Amino acid sequence: MIKLTKKSKRLKRPKSSLVSRPPVITVMGHIDHGKTTLLDALRHTHVADKESGGITQHIGAYQLDYQGRKLTFIDTPGHAAFASMRSRGVQVTDLVVLVIDAVESVKPQTRECLDHIQAAQVPFLVAINKIDLPNASSAIVKKDLADAGVMVEGFGGDIVCVEISAKTGKNLDQLLEMILLLTDMSGLANKPLAPLQAIVIESFLDKKRGPVATIIVKQGTLKLGDELNLGQATGKVKALFNEKGEKIPAVFPGCPAQVLGFSTVPAVGAGTLSAVSATADADKDVKTLKIILKTDVAGTLEAITKNLSSEVTLISAAVGEIGEADVALAQSTKAKIIGFRVKATASAQKLAEIEAVLIKNYSLIHELLDDLQNQVLKMLEPTIDEEILGEARIIAQFTVKGESIAGCQVTSGKLMSGNLVHLLRNKEPLAHSKIKSIHQGKDVVEKAKKGEEYGIAFTAALSFQLKDTLQAYRKI
């Protein structure tokens, strides 16, 4: 077990000791001693308010940023009924923060936590919480800890002890500093290219999404499409979500995520999750999203380019309006033009319509980045098998009673009322809808046949252009 002496506590953290992956910290303690409130204070959120009675009912994993570094926290339940879940939380952790109420002091569940910590041989520190209360006594807590065999600094031992108030925020910076110092001393290695090692810390069956698992990656990288293997629970990664519920393309060492794609619900803490990469093919098979970026000022250009994911290929990036040269480059490279607070010249807009080049403009950076990330996820997600029923080329646009109608010529197969459709531009899917009705002259017909022209209305509006393609399909 790593212990910290008074002398080492005063030393500054050397640059060479900085960890190369986020440390995983488990917050443990007796019920109502302030574990989730502490995480709320650290993350500036209100998770406790969303729980039943303010008590955590499940294991959750969260990340926060401190001094430019990420830390992953596991919040474990405090009641005795969840002792086994606490044990599983310890198995994946790099450091435990043992939270003790400065008024109630050491309780039976506090002793249980110490048993789990000692059995797992994991380093820990003590956070004495609620020191803002008038009857708080850190001295009594330290004495009770000594009676339990834990000697903290200033009380005959060298276990780090920080006196905090999660409610007022007192000494939270000091707590984070001690966490970073202790985990830096452990020398946590970042091995994103190593074989995957991940631990399931929570799992359940969702009626709509199927088996769901919350995992922490210890080494390697878990990606969309990877084959999963954890005992009897196998499958393929269909989707990955961070703690905010946002879709992500991959999970790196030290990071948590929610995984969809298991054939059955995997057992919590049952072993190490392994995976076979779906991207182990040749580099030529790697998909990228190609974009041409134009912004209003250089500072914005730099901010956006620095935050692009590795799956985005920047064909060109410059300050200024979108011109014909940008459209020509996009057409030749099969790229999309992304503009930030800039306009396309009239001639560039006309050329884009002729060449079927997509131009999208944004006024908020986060919306631009979010949209690109969503496009990347759609590109990387394993596709559902589909049967193509027919295709039609859009040759005209009409507005009837405020509804946009696509004038189409069917080029293959047939399209029928009620069919699901993709809207394609340069063979890339842009949007999806369903055929509401098909018109030929003044008549409403059930199907559109090859070689004939029809007007097609959709259940959800599509921003189509001339020369776009409609592709009718059914899911298999």
Protein backbone atom coordinates (compact mmCIF):
# COMPACT_ATOMS: atom_id res chain seq x y z
CA MET A 1 0.00 0.00 0.00
CA ILE A 2 1.32 3.45 -0.93
CA LYS A 3 1.73 5.76 2.01
CA LEU A 4 2.73 9.40 2.05
CA THR A 5 5.09 10.86 4.63
CA LYS A 6 4.94 14.43 5.86
CA LYS A 7 8.19 15.18 4.07
CA SER A 8 6.98 13.90 0.70
CA LYS A 9 3.71 15.77 1.08
CA ARG A 10 5.56 19.10 0.90
CA LEU A 11 7.42 18.17 -2.27
CA LYS A 12 6.20 19.55 -5.59
CA ARG A 13 5.11 17.01 -8.14
CA PRO A 14 7.94 16.61 -10.69
CA LYS A 15 6.96 16.89 -14.36
CA SER A 16 8.33 13.44 -15.08
CA SER A 17 5.88 11.91 -12.63
CA LEU A 18 2.75 13.08 -14.42
CA VAL A 19 0.48 10.13 -15.16
CA SER A 20 -0.27 9.44 -18.79
CA ARG A 21 -3.83 8.22 -18.29
CA PRO A 22 -6.67 9.41 -16.06
CA PRO A 23 -6.50 7.79 -12.61
CA VAL A 24 -9.57 5.86 -11.48
CA ILE A 25 -10.70 6.93 -8.01
CA THR A 26 -13.38 5.18 -5.98
CA VAL A 27 -15.33 7.22 -3.43
CA MET A 28 -16.41 5.04 -0.49
CA GLY A 29 -17.91 5.50 2.95
CA HIS A 30 -20.92 5.04 5.21
CA ILE A 31 -24.40 6.01 4.05
CA ASP A 32 -25.10 9.78 4.17
CA HIS A 33 -21.49 10.74 4.94
CA GLY A 34 -21.45 12.91 1.81
CA LYS A 35 -19.90 10.80 -0.98
CA THR A 36 -22.22 11.88 -3.80
CA THR A 37 -22.40 15.43 -2.45
CA LEU A 38 -18.61 15.53 -2.69
CA LEU A 39 -18.74 14.41 -6.33
CA ASP A 40 -21.43 17.03 -6.99
CA ALA A 41 -19.17 19.71 -5.58
CA LEU A 42 -16.19 18.50 -7.62
CA ARG A 43 -18.15 18.25 -10.86
CA HIS A 44 -20.44 21.25 -10.22
CA THR A 45 -23.49 19.08 -10.86
CA HIS A 46 -26.41 17.81 -8.78
CA VAL A 47 -26.46 14.05 -9.16
CA ALA A 48 -27.74 13.55 -5.62
CA ASP A 49 -30.93 15.48 -6.34
CA LYS A 50 -31.83 12.95 -9.05
CA GLU A 51 -31.40 9.92 -6.78
CA SER A 52 -34.09 8.47 -4.53
CA GLY A 53 -33.91 10.31 -1.22
CA GLY A 54 -30.53 11.77 -2.14
CA ILE A 55 -28.90 8.32 -1.73
CA THR A 56 -26.98 6.69 -4.57
CA GLN A 57 -28.80 3.59 -5.83
CA HIS A 58 -26.24 2.31 -8.34
CA ILE A 59 -22.56 2.47 -9.24
CA GLY A 60 -21.85 5.47 -11.46
CA ALA A 61 -18.63 6.54 -13.15
CA TYR A 62 -17.86 10.17 -13.92
CA GLN A 63 -14.96 12.25 -15.21
CA LEU A 64 -13.86 15.74 -14.24
CA ASP A 65 -11.06 18.05 -15.32
CA TYR A 66 -8.61 19.54 -12.82
CA GLN A 67 -5.53 21.56 -13.77
CA GLY A 68 -5.80 20.35 -17.34
CA ARG A 69 -5.98 16.68 -16.34
CA LYS A 70 -8.87 14.22 -16.27
CA LEU A 71 -9.80 12.15 -13.24
CA THR A 72 -12.29 9.29 -13.32
CA PHE A 73 -14.42 8.86 -10.21
CA ILE A 74 -16.52 5.86 -9.23
CA ASP A 75 -19.32 6.69 -6.80
CA THR A 76 -20.25 3.51 -4.89
CA PRO A 77 -23.39 3.05 -2.75
CA GLY A 78 -22.99 3.32 0.98
CA HIS A 79 -25.52 0.99 2.54
CA ALA A 80 -24.68 -2.43 3.90
CA ALA A 81 -27.04 -3.98 1.32
CA PHE A 82 -24.64 -2.89 -1.40
CA ALA A 83 -21.45 -4.22 0.22
CA SER A 84 -20.79 -6.57 -2.70
CA MET A 85 -21.10 -3.72 -5.19
CA ARG A 86 -18.58 -1.72 -3.20
CA SER A 87 -16.20 -4.66 -3.41
CA ARG A 88 -16.49 -4.68 -7.19
CA GLY A 89 -15.79 -0.97 -7.28
CA VAL A 90 -12.48 -1.49 -5.47
CA GLN A 91 -11.32 -4.07 -8.03
CA VAL A 92 -10.96 -1.49 -10.79
CA THR A 93 -9.70 1.48 -8.79
CA ASP A 94 -6.25 3.08 -8.57
CA LEU A 95 -7.02 5.01 -5.37
CA VAL A 96 -9.84 5.10 -2.83
CA VAL A 97 -11.14 8.25 -1.17
CA LEU A 98 -12.69 7.13 2.11
CA VAL A 99 -15.27 9.73 3.16
CA ILE A 100 -16.06 9.98 6.88
CA ASP A 101 -18.57 12.31 8.52
CA ALA A 102 -16.83 14.65 11.01
CA VAL A 103 -19.86 14.37 13.31
CA GLU A 104 -20.80 10.67 13.06
CA SER A 105 -17.19 9.44 12.74
CA VAL A 106 -16.39 5.78 11.94
CA LYS A 107 -19.46 3.59 11.38
CA PRO A 108 -19.89 -0.15 10.64
CA GLN A 109 -19.96 0.46 6.88
CA THR A 110 -16.79 2.54 7.23
CA ARG A 111 -15.07 -0.52 8.69
CA GLU A 112 -16.46 -2.64 5.81
CA CYS A 113 -14.90 -0.21 3.35
CA LEU A 114 -11.55 -0.50 5.11
CA ASP A 115 -11.79 -4.30 4.89
CA HIS A 116 -12.38 -4.09 1.10
CA ILE A 117 -9.53 -1.60 0.68
CA GLN A 118 -7.07 -3.71 2.63
CA ALA A 119 -8.15 -6.93 0.88
CA ALA A 120 -7.62 -5.30 -2.52
CA GLN A 121 -4.28 -3.78 -1.39
CA VAL A 122 -5.18 -0.48 -3.02
CA PRO A 123 -3.84 2.90 -1.82
CA PHE A 124 -6.29 5.23 -0.11
CA LEU A 125 -6.66 8.56 1.62
CA VAL A 126 -9.19 9.80 4.14
CA ALA A 127 -11.51 12.76 3.53
CA ILE A 128 -13.09 13.97 6.77
CA ASN A 129 -16.27 15.66 5.54
CA LYS A 130 -18.76 18.16 7.04
CA ILE A 131 -16.13 20.04 9.04
CA ASP A 132 -18.33 23.13 8.60
CA LEU A 133 -20.82 21.77 11.16
CA PRO A 134 -20.57 23.20 14.71
CA ASN A 135 -20.22 19.80 16.43
CA ALA A 136 -17.66 18.43 13.96
CA SER A 137 -14.55 16.83 15.47
CA SER A 138 -11.67 15.68 13.26
CA ALA A 139 -9.78 14.56 16.36
CA ILE A 140 -12.49 12.05 17.28
CA VAL A 141 -12.52 10.70 13.71
CA LYS A 142 -8.73 10.25 13.74
CA LYS A 143 -8.89 8.50 17.13
CA ASP A 144 -11.65 6.15 15.92
CA LEU A 145 -9.58 5.41 12.79
CA ALA A 146 -6.60 4.59 14.99
CA ASP A 147 -8.79 2.19 16.95
CA ALA A 148 -9.65 0.58 13.61
CA GLY A 149 -5.93 0.23 12.80
CA VAL A 150 -5.62 3.22 10.47
CA MET A 151 -3.03 5.76 11.55
CA VAL A 152 -3.38 9.08 9.70
CA GLU A 153 -0.93 11.97 9.45
CA GLY A 154 -0.75 13.98 12.64
CA PHE A 155 -2.04 11.04 14.63
CA GLY A 156 0.90 8.70 14.70
CA GLY A 157 0.83 7.53 11.07
CA ASP A 158 1.31 8.59 7.46
CA ILE A 159 -2.04 7.94 5.77
CA VAL A 160 -3.06 11.19 4.05
CA CYS A 161 -6.04 12.86 5.69
CA VAL A 162 -7.78 15.96 4.29
CA GLU A 163 -10.44 17.86 6.23
CA ILE A 164 -13.11 19.08 3.82
CA SER A 165 -16.61 20.42 3.46
CA ALA A 166 -18.36 19.23 0.34
CA LYS A 167 -21.12 21.72 1.11
CA THR A 168 -18.93 24.86 1.32
CA GLY A 169 -16.12 23.64 -0.94
CA LYS A 170 -13.47 24.04 1.75
CA ASN A 171 -10.16 22.26 0.96
CA LEU A 172 -11.48 20.51 -2.16
CA ASP A 173 -8.49 21.78 -4.15
CA GLN A 174 -6.19 20.30 -1.51
CA LEU A 175 -8.05 16.98 -1.80
CA LEU A 176 -7.59 16.90 -5.59
CA GLU A 177 -3.90 17.79 -5.20
CA MET A 178 -3.40 14.86 -2.84
CA ILE A 179 -5.27 12.54 -5.22
CA LEU A 180 -3.03 13.56 -8.10
CA LEU A 181 0.12 13.24 -6.01
CA LEU A 182 -0.73 9.76 -4.79
CA THR A 183 -1.77 8.48 -8.21
CA ASP A 184 1.31 10.04 -9.83
CA MET A 185 3.45 8.06 -7.41
CA SER A 186 1.75 4.89 -8.67
CA GLY A 187 3.06 5.51 -12.20
CA LEU A 188 -0.14 4.73 -14.11
CA ALA A 189 0.76 3.69 -17.65
CA ASN A 190 -1.26 4.64 -20.70
CA LYS A 191 -1.38 1.71 -23.14
CA PRO A 192 -4.05 2.53 -25.75
CA LEU A 193 -2.58 0.07 -28.27
CA ALA A 194 -2.32 -2.85 -25.84
CA PRO A 195 -4.92 -5.66 -25.75
CA LEU A 196 -8.12 -4.43 -24.15
CA GLN A 197 -8.57 -4.80 -20.40
CA ALA A 198 -11.83 -3.38 -19.06
CA ILE A 199 -13.98 -4.06 -16.00
CA VAL A 200 -17.78 -4.07 -15.90
CA ILE A 201 -18.88 -2.03 -12.87
CA GLU A 202 -22.61 -2.01 -13.59
CA SER A 203 -24.98 -3.87 -15.93
CA PHE A 204 -28.70 -4.18 -16.54
CA LEU A 205 -31.30 -5.08 -19.16
CA ASP A 206 -32.98 -2.14 -20.86
CA LYS A 207 -36.37 -2.90 -22.46
CA LYS A 208 -35.56 -0.82 -25.54
CA ARG A 209 -31.78 -1.04 -25.85
CA GLY A 210 -31.15 -4.57 -24.58
CA PRO A 211 -28.17 -5.49 -22.33
CA VAL A 212 -26.30 -2.40 -21.10
CA ALA A 213 -22.96 -2.36 -19.28
CA THR A 214 -20.96 0.42 -17.63
CA ILE A 215 -17.25 -0.27 -18.03
CA ILE A 216 -13.90 1.25 -17.07
CA VAL A 217 -11.03 0.68 -19.51
CA LYS A 218 -7.73 -0.16 -17.79
CA GLN A 219 -5.62 -0.58 -20.94
CA GLY A 220 -6.21 -0.76 -24.67
CA THR A 221 -9.04 0.99 -26.54
CA LEU A 222 -12.66 -0.08 -26.97
CA LYS A 223 -14.19 1.06 -30.29
CA LEU A 224 -17.44 0.82 -32.19
CA GLY A 225 -17.70 -2.51 -33.98
CA ASP A 226 -15.27 -4.34 -31.67
CA GLU A 227 -16.17 -7.95 -30.84
CA LEU A 228 -16.90 -8.36 -27.11
CA ASN A 229 -16.00 -11.31 -24.91
CA LEU A 230 -16.68 -11.65 -21.18
CA GLY A 231 -17.40 -15.25 -20.27
CA GLN A 232 -20.88 -16.13 -21.52
CA ALA A 233 -21.58 -12.52 -22.49
CA THR A 234 -20.39 -11.88 -26.02
CA GLY A 235 -21.41 -9.55 -28.84
CA LYS A 236 -20.31 -6.52 -30.84
CA VAL A 237 -20.10 -2.87 -29.73
CA LYS A 238 -23.14 -1.15 -31.26
CA ALA A 239 -22.89 2.12 -29.35
CA LEU A 240 -20.75 3.84 -26.69
CA PHE A 241 -21.92 6.63 -24.39
CA ASN A 242 -20.11 8.86 -21.89
CA GLU A 243 -21.55 9.79 -18.50
CA LYS A 244 -23.51 12.66 -20.09
CA GLY A 245 -25.33 10.26 -22.39
CA GLU A 246 -23.42 11.50 -25.43
CA LYS A 247 -22.33 9.05 -28.14
CA ILE A 248 -18.56 8.58 -28.41
CA PRO A 249 -16.51 6.63 -31.00
CA ALA A 250 -13.99 5.05 -28.61
CA VAL A 251 -13.04 4.58 -24.93
CA PHE A 252 -9.41 5.03 -23.87
CA PRO A 253 -7.46 3.87 -20.76
CA GLY A 254 -8.75 5.30 -17.50
CA CYS A 255 -12.10 6.31 -19.01
CA PRO A 256 -15.65 5.10 -18.30
CA ALA A 257 -18.40 4.38 -20.81
CA GLN A 258 -21.74 2.70 -21.24
CA VAL A 259 -21.67 -0.11 -23.81
CA LEU A 260 -24.48 -1.50 -25.96
CA GLY A 261 -24.10 -4.71 -27.91
CA PHE A 262 -23.78 -7.60 -25.44
CA SER A 263 -25.81 -10.72 -26.27
CA THR A 264 -26.67 -11.15 -22.59
CA VAL A 265 -26.26 -8.99 -19.49
CA PRO A 266 -22.60 -9.37 -18.37
CA ALA A 267 -21.91 -10.06 -14.70
CA VAL A 268 -20.54 -7.12 -12.72
CA GLY A 269 -16.89 -7.58 -11.81
CA ALA A 270 -16.91 -11.08 -13.34
CA GLY A 271 -13.53 -10.68 -14.98
CA THR A 272 -11.64 -8.73 -17.60
CA LEU A 273 -13.52 -7.73 -20.74
CA SER A 274 -11.59 -8.45 -23.92
CA ALA A 275 -12.30 -7.36 -27.48
CA VAL A 276 -11.19 -8.02 -31.03
CA SER A 277 -10.73 -4.77 -32.94
CA ALA A 278 -12.97 -4.16 -35.90
CA THR A 279 -10.34 -1.79 -37.30
CA ALA A 280 -7.58 -4.38 -37.54
CA ASP A 281 -7.89 -4.34 -41.37
CA ALA A 282 -5.57 -2.49 -43.67
CA ASP A 283 -5.35 1.29 -43.42
CA LYS A 284 -7.14 1.62 -46.75
CA ASP A 285 -10.31 0.39 -45.03
CA VAL A 286 -10.26 3.11 -42.35
CA LYS A 287 -13.15 5.54 -42.82
CA THR A 288 -12.64 9.29 -42.41
CA LEU A 289 -14.92 12.31 -42.71
CA LYS A 290 -13.40 14.73 -45.23
CA ILE A 291 -14.10 18.44 -44.73
CA ILE A 292 -13.05 21.84 -46.08
CA LEU A 293 -13.18 24.40 -43.26
CA LYS A 294 -13.71 28.15 -43.74
CA THR A 295 -14.07 30.54 -40.76
CA ASP A 296 -14.44 34.26 -40.11
CA VAL A 297 -11.25 34.75 -38.05
CA ALA A 298 -7.94 32.92 -37.47
CA GLY A 299 -8.56 32.36 -33.76
CA THR A 300 -11.76 30.47 -34.46
CA LEU A 301 -10.05 28.45 -37.19
CA GLU A 302 -7.37 27.34 -34.72
CA ALA A 303 -9.91 26.52 -32.00
CA ILE A 304 -11.95 24.31 -34.31
CA THR A 305 -9.02 22.47 -35.89
CA LYS A 306 -7.54 21.66 -32.48
CA ASN A 307 -10.78 19.99 -31.41
CA LEU A 308 -11.40 17.82 -34.48
CA SER A 309 -11.37 14.07 -33.85
CA SER A 310 -8.87 11.78 -35.55
CA GLU A 311 -11.65 10.47 -37.80
CA VAL A 312 -11.98 13.90 -39.47
CA THR A 313 -9.63 14.59 -42.40
CA LEU A 314 -9.05 18.31 -42.97
CA ILE A 315 -8.64 18.74 -46.74
CA SER A 316 -8.28 22.51 -46.45
CA ALA A 317 -8.64 25.17 -43.73
CA ALA A 318 -8.63 28.93 -44.25
CA VAL A 319 -10.16 32.24 -43.21
CA GLY A 320 -12.63 33.91 -45.58
CA GLU A 321 -15.81 33.38 -47.56
CA ILE A 322 -16.58 30.15 -49.38
CA GLY A 323 -15.61 30.50 -53.04
CA GLU A 324 -15.78 28.49 -56.25
CA ALA A 325 -12.30 27.08 -55.62
CA ASP A 326 -13.53 25.56 -52.35
CA VAL A 327 -16.47 23.93 -54.13
CA ALA A 328 -14.23 22.57 -56.88
CA LEU A 329 -11.86 21.11 -54.29
CA ALA A 330 -14.75 19.57 -52.37
CA GLN A 331 -16.11 18.00 -55.56
CA SER A 332 -12.78 16.46 -56.51
CA THR A 333 -12.00 15.14 -53.02
CA LYS A 334 -15.57 14.11 -52.07
CA ALA A 335 -15.42 16.46 -49.07
CA LYS A 336 -18.05 18.53 -47.29
CA ILE A 337 -17.66 22.29 -46.88
CA ILE A 338 -18.02 23.51 -43.29
CA GLY A 339 -18.36 27.24 -42.76
CA PHE A 340 -18.29 29.15 -39.49
CA ARG A 341 -19.93 32.59 -39.66
CA VAL A 342 -19.02 32.94 -43.32
CA LYS A 343 -21.14 33.01 -46.47
CA ALA A 344 -20.69 31.35 -49.83
CA THR A 345 -20.47 33.63 -52.83
CA ALA A 346 -23.40 33.49 -55.23
CA SER A 347 -21.27 31.79 -57.85
CA ALA A 348 -19.97 29.25 -55.31
CA GLN A 349 -23.53 28.48 -54.15
CA LYS A 350 -24.66 27.95 -57.74
CA LEU A 351 -21.67 25.69 -58.49
CA ALA A 352 -22.35 23.69 -55.31
CA GLU A 353 -25.92 23.03 -56.48
CA ILE A 354 -24.68 21.92 -59.91
CA GLU A 355 -21.93 19.67 -58.50
CA ALA A 356 -24.10 18.43 -55.58
CA VAL A 357 -21.55 19.62 -52.96
CA LEU A 358 -22.81 19.97 -49.39
CA ILE A 359 -22.22 23.34 -47.68
CA LYS A 360 -23.14 23.72 -44.00
CA ASN A 361 -22.76 26.89 -41.97
CA TYR A 362 -22.63 27.36 -38.21
CA SER A 363 -22.60 30.24 -35.75
CA LEU A 364 -21.71 28.29 -32.58
CA ILE A 365 -18.49 26.25 -32.28
CA HIS A 366 -20.00 23.57 -30.04
CA GLU A 367 -22.82 22.98 -32.54
CA LEU A 368 -20.27 22.62 -35.35
CA LEU A 369 -18.15 20.14 -33.39
CA ASP A 370 -21.19 18.21 -32.14
CA ASP A 371 -22.54 17.88 -35.68
CA LEU A 372 -19.20 16.65 -37.01
CA GLN A 373 -18.97 14.15 -34.16
CA ASN A 374 -22.47 12.86 -34.96
CA GLN A 375 -21.49 12.46 -38.61
CA VAL A 376 -18.38 10.54 -37.57
CA LEU A 377 -20.45 8.25 -35.34
CA LYS A 378 -22.92 7.55 -38.15
CA MET A 379 -19.98 6.76 -40.40
CA LEU A 380 -18.37 4.41 -37.86
CA GLU A 381 -21.49 2.70 -36.52
CA PRO A 382 -22.06 -0.83 -37.75
CA THR A 383 -24.88 -0.57 -40.30
CA ILE A 384 -28.08 -2.56 -40.12
CA ASP A 385 -28.49 -4.86 -43.12
CA GLU A 386 -30.80 -3.26 -45.68
CA GLU A 387 -32.41 -4.29 -48.93
CA ILE A 388 -32.50 -1.51 -51.53
CA LEU A 389 -35.93 -1.41 -53.18
CA GLY A 390 -35.43 1.40 -55.64
CA GLU A 391 -33.72 4.68 -56.44
CA ALA A 392 -34.89 7.97 -57.90
CA ARG A 393 -33.05 11.11 -59.01
CA ILE A 394 -34.46 14.45 -57.84
CA ILE A 395 -35.02 16.69 -60.89
CA ALA A 396 -37.40 19.35 -59.54
CA GLN A 397 -38.82 20.87 -56.36
CA PHE A 398 -42.42 22.00 -55.77
CA THR A 399 -44.31 23.50 -52.85
CA VAL A 400 -47.93 22.44 -52.49
CA LYS A 401 -49.96 23.82 -49.58
CA GLY A 402 -46.73 24.63 -47.74
CA GLU A 403 -45.36 21.11 -48.21
CA SER A 404 -42.12 20.49 -50.11
CA ILE A 405 -42.51 17.93 -52.92
CA ALA A 406 -39.58 16.30 -54.71
CA GLY A 407 -39.99 15.84 -58.45
CA CYS A 408 -38.23 12.54 -59.17
CA GLN A 409 -37.33 10.23 -62.02
CA VAL A 410 -37.08 6.58 -60.95
CA THR A 411 -33.75 5.11 -62.11
CA SER A 412 -33.98 1.59 -60.67
CA GLY A 413 -36.45 -0.68 -58.91
CA LYS A 414 -39.58 0.95 -57.55
CA LEU A 415 -40.61 3.22 -54.70
CA MET A 416 -43.84 2.74 -52.79
CA SER A 417 -45.88 4.79 -50.36
CA GLY A 418 -44.70 3.98 -46.82
CA ASN A 419 -41.14 3.04 -47.88
CA LEU A 420 -38.23 4.20 -45.73
CA VAL A 421 -35.86 6.42 -47.75
CA HIS A 422 -32.30 7.71 -47.55
CA LEU A 423 -31.42 11.10 -49.05
CA LEU A 424 -28.03 10.76 -50.75
CA ARG A 425 -25.68 13.42 -52.12
CA ASN A 426 -22.50 12.26 -53.86
CA LYS A 427 -23.48 8.75 -52.69
CA GLU A 428 -23.26 9.87 -49.03
CA PRO A 429 -26.36 9.64 -46.78
CA LEU A 430 -27.48 13.06 -45.54
CA ALA A 431 -30.88 12.40 -44.01
CA HIS A 432 -33.63 9.81 -43.64
CA SER A 433 -37.42 9.90 -43.88
CA LYS A 434 -40.44 7.96 -45.07
CA ILE A 435 -42.56 8.33 -48.21
CA LYS A 436 -45.86 9.93 -47.26
CA SER A 437 -47.45 9.94 -50.71
CA ILE A 438 -46.62 9.58 -54.42
CA HIS A 439 -48.21 11.77 -57.10
CA GLN A 440 -48.36 11.40 -60.88
CA GLY A 441 -50.08 14.37 -62.44
CA LYS A 442 -53.24 14.95 -60.41
CA ASP A 443 -53.43 11.34 -59.24
CA VAL A 444 -52.15 9.80 -56.03
CA VAL A 445 -50.53 6.44 -56.77
CA GLU A 446 -49.17 3.66 -54.58
CA LYS A 447 -45.87 3.09 -56.37
CA ALA A 448 -43.36 4.81 -58.63
CA LYS A 449 -41.99 2.67 -61.48
CA LYS A 450 -38.62 2.74 -63.21
CA GLY A 451 -38.28 5.26 -66.05
CA GLU A 452 -41.27 7.40 -65.02
CA GLU A 453 -41.53 10.74 -63.21
CA TYR A 454 -43.41 11.37 -59.99
CA GLY A 455 -43.85 13.87 -57.17
CA ILE A 456 -42.96 12.47 -53.75
CA ALA A 457 -43.92 13.87 -50.34
CA PHE A 458 -42.29 12.81 -47.06
CA THR A 459 -43.47 12.30 -43.48
CA ALA A 460 -40.46 14.33 -42.24
CA ALA A 461 -39.15 17.27 -44.27
CA LEU A 462 -35.93 16.71 -46.22
CA SER A 463 -33.54 19.51 -47.29
CA PHE A 464 -32.99 18.08 -50.74
CA GLN A 465 -31.34 19.62 -53.82
CA LEU A 466 -31.48 18.90 -57.51
CA LYS A 467 -29.41 15.84 -58.50
CA ASP A 468 -29.79 14.32 -55.00
CA THR A 469 -30.79 10.65 -54.88
CA LEU A 470 -33.68 9.05 -53.03
CA GLN A 471 -33.04 5.47 -52.02
CA ALA A 472 -36.00 3.37 -50.86
CA TYR A 473 -35.10 0.46 -48.59
CA ARG A 474 -36.31 -1.99 -46.00
CA LYS A 475 -34.44 -3.24 -42.94
CA ILE A 476 -33.51 -6.90 -42.77
